[in-house]
Amino acid sequence: MGNVISAFWKGVKYKGGPGHYAFILHRLTGIGVALFLVLHIVDNFVILFGEEAFTEVLHLYSNPVMRLLEVFLIFSVAYHAFNGLRVIIVDFWAPNSHVQRALWVLVWVVVIPITLVAAWFTLAPIFGLR
């Protein structure tokens, strides 16, 4: 187990820098979005068992833990989308590859406000603020 953790940590620290960390986070957010899609298909499949069963499954989404996971989903979708645009710019317009760090900062400048606004609307009902 120690070798697995050591190998994982070496991969994380491999080169560092914005390009490497953007690569890792892009993969993680992609996995998160894919897992959500599987969950979404499964919870929509429950409608076949009747309206009552479907309503019970939907009620799970009002749970505070699920609402927090929704915020992570929103972050994942936003980051994955905007970082994907950054990857397209860097890959297809080679002269712009020297601005990779600036583009990564721009991704964060766009994603953080989107996530914070979405978090407010998603989490406010838990605290009785909306």
N, C-alpha and C. Protein backbone atom coordinates (compact mmCIF):
# COMPACT_ATOMS: atom_id res chain seq x y z
N MET A 1 0.82 -1.19 0.00
CA MET A 1 0.00 0.00 0.00
C MET A 1 0.87 1.26 0.00
N GLY A 2 1.98 1.18 0.71
CA GLY A 2 2.89 2.32 0.76
C GLY A 2 3.44 2.67 -0.60
N ASN A 3 3.71 1.64 -1.43
CA ASN A 3 4.22 1.89 -2.78
C ASN A 3 3.18 2.57 -3.66
N VAL A 4 1.91 2.21 -3.46
CA VAL A 4 0.85 2.82 -4.25
C VAL A 4 0.73 4.30 -3.90
N ILE A 5 0.76 4.59 -2.61
CA ILE A 5 0.66 5.98 -2.17
C ILE A 5 1.88 6.77 -2.64
N SER A 6 3.06 6.17 -2.55
CA SER A 6 4.28 6.83 -3.00
C SER A 6 4.22 7.11 -4.50
N ALA A 7 3.77 6.13 -5.27
CA ALA A 7 3.67 6.31 -6.72
C ALA A 7 2.64 7.39 -7.06
N PHE A 8 1.52 7.38 -6.34
CA PHE A 8 0.49 8.40 -6.56
C PHE A 8 1.05 9.79 -6.29
N TRP A 9 1.74 9.95 -5.16
CA TRP A 9 2.28 11.26 -4.79
C TRP A 9 3.33 11.73 -5.79
N LYS A 10 4.15 10.80 -6.31
CA LYS A 10 5.13 11.17 -7.33
C LYS A 10 4.43 11.67 -8.59
N GLY A 11 3.30 11.05 -8.93
CA GLY A 11 2.53 11.49 -10.08
C GLY A 11 1.96 12.88 -9.89
N VAL A 12 1.50 13.15 -8.68
CA VAL A 12 0.93 14.46 -8.39
C VAL A 12 2.02 15.53 -8.46
N LYS A 13 3.18 15.22 -7.93
CA LYS A 13 4.27 16.19 -7.89
C LYS A 13 5.12 16.17 -9.16
N TYR A 14 4.81 15.32 -10.11
CA TYR A 14 5.63 15.07 -11.30
C TYR A 14 6.37 16.30 -11.81
N LYS A 15 5.67 17.24 -12.33
CA LYS A 15 6.32 18.46 -12.82
C LYS A 15 5.78 19.69 -12.12
N GLY A 16 4.59 19.55 -11.61
CA GLY A 16 3.98 20.71 -10.98
C GLY A 16 3.61 21.75 -12.00
N GLY A 17 3.31 22.90 -11.54
CA GLY A 17 2.95 23.98 -12.45
C GLY A 17 1.49 23.91 -12.85
N PRO A 18 1.01 24.99 -13.42
CA PRO A 18 -0.41 25.07 -13.75
C PRO A 18 -0.87 24.02 -14.76
N GLY A 19 -0.05 23.74 -15.75
CA GLY A 19 -0.45 22.76 -16.76
C GLY A 19 -0.66 21.38 -16.16
N HIS A 20 0.23 20.98 -15.28
CA HIS A 20 0.13 19.65 -14.67
C HIS A 20 -1.06 19.58 -13.72
N TYR A 21 -1.23 20.61 -12.89
CA TYR A 21 -2.35 20.60 -11.95
C TYR A 21 -3.69 20.74 -12.67
N ALA A 22 -3.71 21.51 -13.75
CA ALA A 22 -4.92 21.62 -14.56
C ALA A 22 -5.27 20.27 -15.16
N PHE A 23 -4.25 19.53 -15.61
CA PHE A 23 -4.44 18.19 -16.17
C PHE A 23 -5.08 17.26 -15.14
N ILE A 24 -4.53 17.24 -13.92
CA ILE A 24 -5.05 16.35 -12.88
C ILE A 24 -6.48 16.73 -12.51
N LEU A 25 -6.72 18.01 -12.28
CA LEU A 25 -8.06 18.45 -11.89
C LEU A 25 -9.07 18.25 -13.01
N HIS A 26 -8.63 18.39 -14.25
CA HIS A 26 -9.51 18.15 -15.39
C HIS A 26 -9.97 16.70 -15.40
N ARG A 27 -9.04 15.77 -15.15
CA ARG A 27 -9.40 14.35 -15.11
C ARG A 27 -10.33 14.04 -13.95
N LEU A 28 -10.03 14.59 -12.77
CA LEU A 28 -10.87 14.34 -11.59
C LEU A 28 -12.28 14.90 -11.77
N THR A 29 -12.39 16.10 -12.31
CA THR A 29 -13.73 16.66 -12.52
C THR A 29 -14.48 15.89 -13.61
N GLY A 30 -13.76 15.39 -14.60
CA GLY A 30 -14.40 14.56 -15.62
C GLY A 30 -14.96 13.27 -15.03
N ILE A 31 -14.21 12.65 -14.14
CA ILE A 31 -14.68 11.43 -13.46
C ILE A 31 -15.90 11.76 -12.60
N GLY A 32 -15.84 12.89 -11.89
CA GLY A 32 -16.98 13.29 -11.06
C GLY A 32 -18.24 13.52 -11.88
N VAL A 33 -18.12 14.19 -13.00
CA VAL A 33 -19.28 14.43 -13.86
C VAL A 33 -19.80 13.11 -14.43
N ALA A 34 -18.90 12.22 -14.81
CA ALA A 34 -19.33 10.90 -15.33
C ALA A 34 -20.06 10.10 -14.26
N LEU A 35 -19.57 10.14 -13.03
CA LEU A 35 -20.25 9.44 -11.94
C LEU A 35 -21.64 10.03 -11.69
N PHE A 36 -21.74 11.36 -11.78
CA PHE A 36 -23.05 11.98 -11.64
C PHE A 36 -24.00 11.51 -12.74
N LEU A 37 -23.51 11.43 -13.96
CA LEU A 37 -24.38 10.99 -15.06
C LEU A 37 -24.91 9.59 -14.81
N VAL A 38 -24.07 8.71 -14.27
CA VAL A 38 -24.52 7.35 -13.93
C VAL A 38 -25.61 7.43 -12.86
N LEU A 39 -25.37 8.22 -11.82
CA LEU A 39 -26.36 8.39 -10.75
C LEU A 39 -27.65 8.97 -11.31
N HIS A 40 -27.54 9.93 -12.19
CA HIS A 40 -28.71 10.56 -12.79
C HIS A 40 -29.53 9.56 -13.60
N ILE A 41 -28.87 8.71 -14.36
CA ILE A 41 -29.57 7.68 -15.13
C ILE A 41 -30.27 6.70 -14.19
N VAL A 42 -29.58 6.30 -13.13
CA VAL A 42 -30.17 5.36 -12.16
C VAL A 42 -31.38 5.99 -11.47
N ASP A 43 -31.25 7.24 -11.00
CA ASP A 43 -32.39 7.82 -10.30
C ASP A 43 -33.56 8.10 -11.23
N ASN A 44 -33.31 8.35 -12.50
CA ASN A 44 -34.41 8.48 -13.45
C ASN A 44 -35.05 7.13 -13.78
N PHE A 45 -34.26 6.08 -13.68
CA PHE A 45 -34.77 4.72 -13.93
C PHE A 45 -35.78 4.31 -12.85
N VAL A 46 -35.65 4.87 -11.67
CA VAL A 46 -36.54 4.53 -10.55
C VAL A 46 -37.99 4.88 -10.86
N ILE A 47 -38.25 5.78 -11.80
CA ILE A 47 -39.62 6.14 -12.15
C ILE A 47 -40.40 4.91 -12.61
N LEU A 48 -39.68 3.92 -13.12
CA LEU A 48 -40.35 2.68 -13.56
C LEU A 48 -40.97 1.92 -12.39
N PHE A 49 -40.52 2.20 -11.17
CA PHE A 49 -41.05 1.52 -9.99
C PHE A 49 -42.21 2.29 -9.35
N GLY A 50 -42.62 3.35 -9.98
CA GLY A 50 -43.77 4.10 -9.50
C GLY A 50 -43.40 5.50 -9.03
N GLU A 51 -44.44 6.33 -8.98
CA GLU A 51 -44.23 7.73 -8.61
C GLU A 51 -43.76 7.87 -7.17
N GLU A 52 -44.26 7.02 -6.29
CA GLU A 52 -43.87 7.11 -4.88
C GLU A 52 -42.38 6.82 -4.68
N ALA A 53 -41.89 5.79 -5.37
CA ALA A 53 -40.46 5.45 -5.26
C ALA A 53 -39.61 6.58 -5.83
N PHE A 54 -40.06 7.14 -6.94
CA PHE A 54 -39.31 8.23 -7.57
C PHE A 54 -39.28 9.46 -6.66
N THR A 55 -40.41 9.76 -6.01
CA THR A 55 -40.48 10.89 -5.10
C THR A 55 -39.54 10.69 -3.91
N GLU A 56 -39.43 9.47 -3.42
CA GLU A 56 -38.52 9.18 -2.31
C GLU A 56 -37.07 9.41 -2.72
N VAL A 57 -36.73 8.98 -3.93
CA VAL A 57 -35.36 9.19 -4.42
C VAL A 57 -35.08 10.68 -4.57
N LEU A 58 -36.04 11.43 -5.11
CA LEU A 58 -35.84 12.87 -5.27
C LEU A 58 -35.74 13.58 -3.92
N HIS A 59 -36.42 13.05 -2.93
CA HIS A 59 -36.34 13.64 -1.59
C HIS A 59 -34.92 13.56 -1.03
N LEU A 60 -34.16 12.56 -1.45
CA LEU A 60 -32.76 12.43 -1.00
C LEU A 60 -31.93 13.65 -1.39
N TYR A 61 -32.29 14.29 -2.50
CA TYR A 61 -31.51 15.44 -2.97
C TYR A 61 -31.69 16.68 -2.11
N SER A 62 -32.68 16.69 -1.23
CA SER A 62 -32.85 17.84 -0.33
C SER A 62 -31.99 17.69 0.93
N ASN A 63 -31.36 16.55 1.08
CA ASN A 63 -30.45 16.29 2.20
C ASN A 63 -29.26 17.26 2.11
N PRO A 64 -28.81 17.83 3.24
CA PRO A 64 -27.68 18.77 3.20
C PRO A 64 -26.41 18.20 2.58
N VAL A 65 -26.14 16.92 2.81
CA VAL A 65 -24.94 16.31 2.23
C VAL A 65 -25.07 16.28 0.70
N MET A 66 -26.25 15.93 0.21
CA MET A 66 -26.45 15.89 -1.24
C MET A 66 -26.36 17.29 -1.84
N ARG A 67 -26.85 18.28 -1.10
CA ARG A 67 -26.75 19.66 -1.60
C ARG A 67 -25.29 20.10 -1.70
N LEU A 68 -24.48 19.69 -0.74
CA LEU A 68 -23.05 20.00 -0.81
C LEU A 68 -22.41 19.30 -2.01
N LEU A 69 -22.82 18.06 -2.25
CA LEU A 69 -22.31 17.34 -3.43
C LEU A 69 -22.76 18.02 -4.72
N GLU A 70 -23.94 18.64 -4.71
CA GLU A 70 -24.39 19.39 -5.89
C GLU A 70 -23.47 20.58 -6.16
N VAL A 71 -23.00 21.21 -5.10
CA VAL A 71 -22.06 22.34 -5.29
C VAL A 71 -20.77 21.83 -5.93
N PHE A 72 -20.29 20.67 -5.45
CA PHE A 72 -19.09 20.08 -6.07
C PHE A 72 -19.36 19.70 -7.52
N LEU A 73 -20.58 19.25 -7.83
CA LEU A 73 -20.93 18.93 -9.21
C LEU A 73 -20.90 20.20 -10.07
N ILE A 74 -21.46 21.28 -9.56
CA ILE A 74 -21.47 22.55 -10.30
C ILE A 74 -20.04 23.01 -10.55
N PHE A 75 -19.20 22.93 -9.51
CA PHE A 75 -17.79 23.28 -9.68
C PHE A 75 -17.16 22.40 -10.76
N SER A 76 -17.43 21.09 -10.68
CA SER A 76 -16.81 20.14 -11.63
C SER A 76 -17.21 20.45 -13.06
N VAL A 77 -18.50 20.70 -13.27
CA VAL A 77 -18.97 21.00 -14.63
C VAL A 77 -18.35 22.31 -15.13
N ALA A 78 -18.36 23.34 -14.28
CA ALA A 78 -17.81 24.64 -14.70
C ALA A 78 -16.31 24.53 -14.97
N TYR A 79 -15.58 23.91 -14.04
CA TYR A 79 -14.13 23.80 -14.24
C TYR A 79 -13.82 22.97 -15.48
N HIS A 80 -14.50 21.84 -15.62
CA HIS A 80 -14.22 20.95 -16.75
C HIS A 80 -14.50 21.66 -18.08
N ALA A 81 -15.59 22.42 -18.12
CA ALA A 81 -15.94 23.13 -19.36
C ALA A 81 -14.93 24.22 -19.69
N PHE A 82 -14.64 25.08 -18.72
CA PHE A 82 -13.74 26.21 -19.01
C PHE A 82 -12.30 25.76 -19.17
N ASN A 83 -11.89 24.75 -18.42
CA ASN A 83 -10.54 24.23 -18.63
C ASN A 83 -10.45 23.52 -19.99
N GLY A 84 -11.54 22.90 -20.41
CA GLY A 84 -11.56 22.29 -21.74
C GLY A 84 -11.36 23.33 -22.83
N LEU A 85 -11.97 24.51 -22.65
CA LEU A 85 -11.74 25.59 -23.61
C LEU A 85 -10.29 26.04 -23.58
N ARG A 86 -9.70 26.08 -22.37
CA ARG A 86 -8.28 26.44 -22.24
C ARG A 86 -7.41 25.44 -22.99
N VAL A 87 -7.74 24.16 -22.85
CA VAL A 87 -6.98 23.10 -23.54
C VAL A 87 -7.09 23.26 -25.05
N ILE A 88 -8.28 23.58 -25.53
CA ILE A 88 -8.47 23.79 -26.97
C ILE A 88 -7.61 24.95 -27.46
N ILE A 89 -7.62 26.05 -26.72
CA ILE A 89 -6.82 27.22 -27.11
C ILE A 89 -5.34 26.87 -27.14
N VAL A 90 -4.86 26.20 -26.10
CA VAL A 90 -3.43 25.86 -26.02
C VAL A 90 -3.06 24.85 -27.10
N ASP A 91 -3.91 23.87 -27.36
CA ASP A 91 -3.58 22.82 -28.32
C ASP A 91 -3.69 23.26 -29.78
N PHE A 92 -4.71 24.05 -30.11
CA PHE A 92 -4.94 24.37 -31.51
C PHE A 92 -4.30 25.68 -31.96
N TRP A 93 -3.93 26.51 -31.03
CA TRP A 93 -3.27 27.75 -31.39
C TRP A 93 -1.91 27.78 -30.69
N ALA A 94 -0.96 27.05 -31.27
CA ALA A 94 0.37 26.88 -30.67
C ALA A 94 1.03 28.19 -30.25
N PRO A 95 0.90 29.28 -31.01
CA PRO A 95 1.54 30.51 -30.56
C PRO A 95 1.02 30.99 -29.20
N ASN A 96 -0.19 30.58 -28.84
CA ASN A 96 -0.76 31.01 -27.56
C ASN A 96 -0.39 30.09 -26.41
N SER A 97 0.42 29.05 -26.66
CA SER A 97 0.74 28.11 -25.60
C SER A 97 1.58 28.76 -24.50
N HIS A 98 2.22 29.86 -24.80
CA HIS A 98 3.02 30.56 -23.77
C HIS A 98 2.13 31.28 -22.75
N VAL A 99 0.84 31.37 -23.02
CA VAL A 99 -0.07 32.04 -22.09
C VAL A 99 -0.86 31.01 -21.26
N GLN A 100 -0.34 29.79 -21.18
CA GLN A 100 -1.05 28.73 -20.47
C GLN A 100 -1.36 29.11 -19.02
N ARG A 101 -0.39 29.69 -18.32
CA ARG A 101 -0.59 30.07 -16.92
C ARG A 101 -1.68 31.14 -16.81
N ALA A 102 -1.64 32.13 -17.69
CA ALA A 102 -2.64 33.19 -17.66
C ALA A 102 -4.03 32.64 -17.95
N LEU A 103 -4.12 31.70 -18.89
CA LEU A 103 -5.41 31.10 -19.20
C LEU A 103 -5.93 30.27 -18.03
N TRP A 104 -5.02 29.60 -17.32
CA TRP A 104 -5.45 28.82 -16.16
C TRP A 104 -5.98 29.73 -15.06
N VAL A 105 -5.33 30.87 -14.88
CA VAL A 105 -5.82 31.85 -13.90
C VAL A 105 -7.19 32.36 -14.35
N LEU A 106 -7.35 32.60 -15.64
CA LEU A 106 -8.65 33.04 -16.17
C LEU A 106 -9.73 32.00 -15.91
N VAL A 107 -9.40 30.73 -16.06
CA VAL A 107 -10.36 29.66 -15.75
C VAL A 107 -10.84 29.80 -14.31
N TRP A 108 -9.90 30.00 -13.38
CA TRP A 108 -10.27 30.15 -11.97
C TRP A 108 -11.08 31.42 -11.73
N VAL A 109 -10.74 32.50 -12.44
CA VAL A 109 -11.48 33.76 -12.28
C VAL A 109 -12.93 33.59 -12.72
N VAL A 110 -13.18 32.74 -13.67
CA VAL A 110 -14.54 32.49 -14.14
C VAL A 110 -15.24 31.45 -13.26
N VAL A 111 -14.55 30.38 -12.92
CA VAL A 111 -15.16 29.25 -12.22
C VAL A 111 -15.51 29.57 -10.76
N ILE A 112 -14.65 30.29 -10.07
CA ILE A 112 -14.91 30.56 -8.65
C ILE A 112 -16.19 31.37 -8.45
N PRO A 113 -16.42 32.47 -9.18
CA PRO A 113 -17.69 33.18 -8.99
C PRO A 113 -18.91 32.34 -9.35
N ILE A 114 -18.81 31.56 -10.43
CA ILE A 114 -19.93 30.68 -10.80
C ILE A 114 -20.23 29.72 -9.67
N THR A 115 -19.20 29.11 -9.11
CA THR A 115 -19.38 28.15 -8.03
C THR A 115 -19.95 28.83 -6.79
N LEU A 116 -19.46 30.01 -6.45
CA LEU A 116 -19.95 30.70 -5.25
C LEU A 116 -21.42 31.11 -5.38
N VAL A 117 -21.81 31.62 -6.53
CA VAL A 117 -23.21 32.00 -6.75
C VAL A 117 -24.09 30.74 -6.70
N ALA A 118 -23.66 29.69 -7.37
CA ALA A 118 -24.43 28.45 -7.35
C ALA A 118 -24.49 27.87 -5.94
N ALA A 119 -23.41 27.98 -5.19
CA ALA A 119 -23.39 27.48 -3.81
C ALA A 119 -24.40 28.24 -2.97
N TRP A 120 -24.48 29.54 -3.17
CA TRP A 120 -25.44 30.34 -2.42
C TRP A 120 -26.86 29.82 -2.67
N PHE A 121 -27.24 29.66 -3.93
CA PHE A 121 -28.60 29.24 -4.25
C PHE A 121 -28.85 27.78 -3.85
N THR A 122 -27.81 26.97 -3.84
CA THR A 122 -27.97 25.56 -3.50
C THR A 122 -28.01 25.35 -1.99
N LEU A 123 -27.17 26.06 -1.26
CA LEU A 123 -27.04 25.83 0.18
C LEU A 123 -27.91 26.76 1.04
N ALA A 124 -28.34 27.88 0.51
CA ALA A 124 -29.13 28.85 1.30
C ALA A 124 -30.38 28.22 1.92
N PRO A 125 -31.13 27.38 1.21
CA PRO A 125 -32.33 26.80 1.83
C PRO A 125 -32.01 25.94 3.08
N ILE A 126 -30.85 25.36 3.13
CA ILE A 126 -30.48 24.56 4.30
C ILE A 126 -30.44 25.44 5.55
N PHE A 127 -29.98 26.66 5.38
CA PHE A 127 -29.81 27.57 6.51
C PHE A 127 -31.00 28.53 6.66
N GLY A 128 -32.04 28.29 5.86
CA GLY A 128 -33.23 29.14 5.94
C GLY A 128 -33.03 30.54 5.42
N LEU A 129 -32.07 30.71 4.52
CA LEU A 129 -31.77 32.04 3.99
C LEU A 129 -32.54 32.37 2.71
N ARG A 130 -33.18 31.40 2.16
CA ARG A 130 -33.92 31.63 0.92
C ARG A 130 -35.14 30.77 0.91
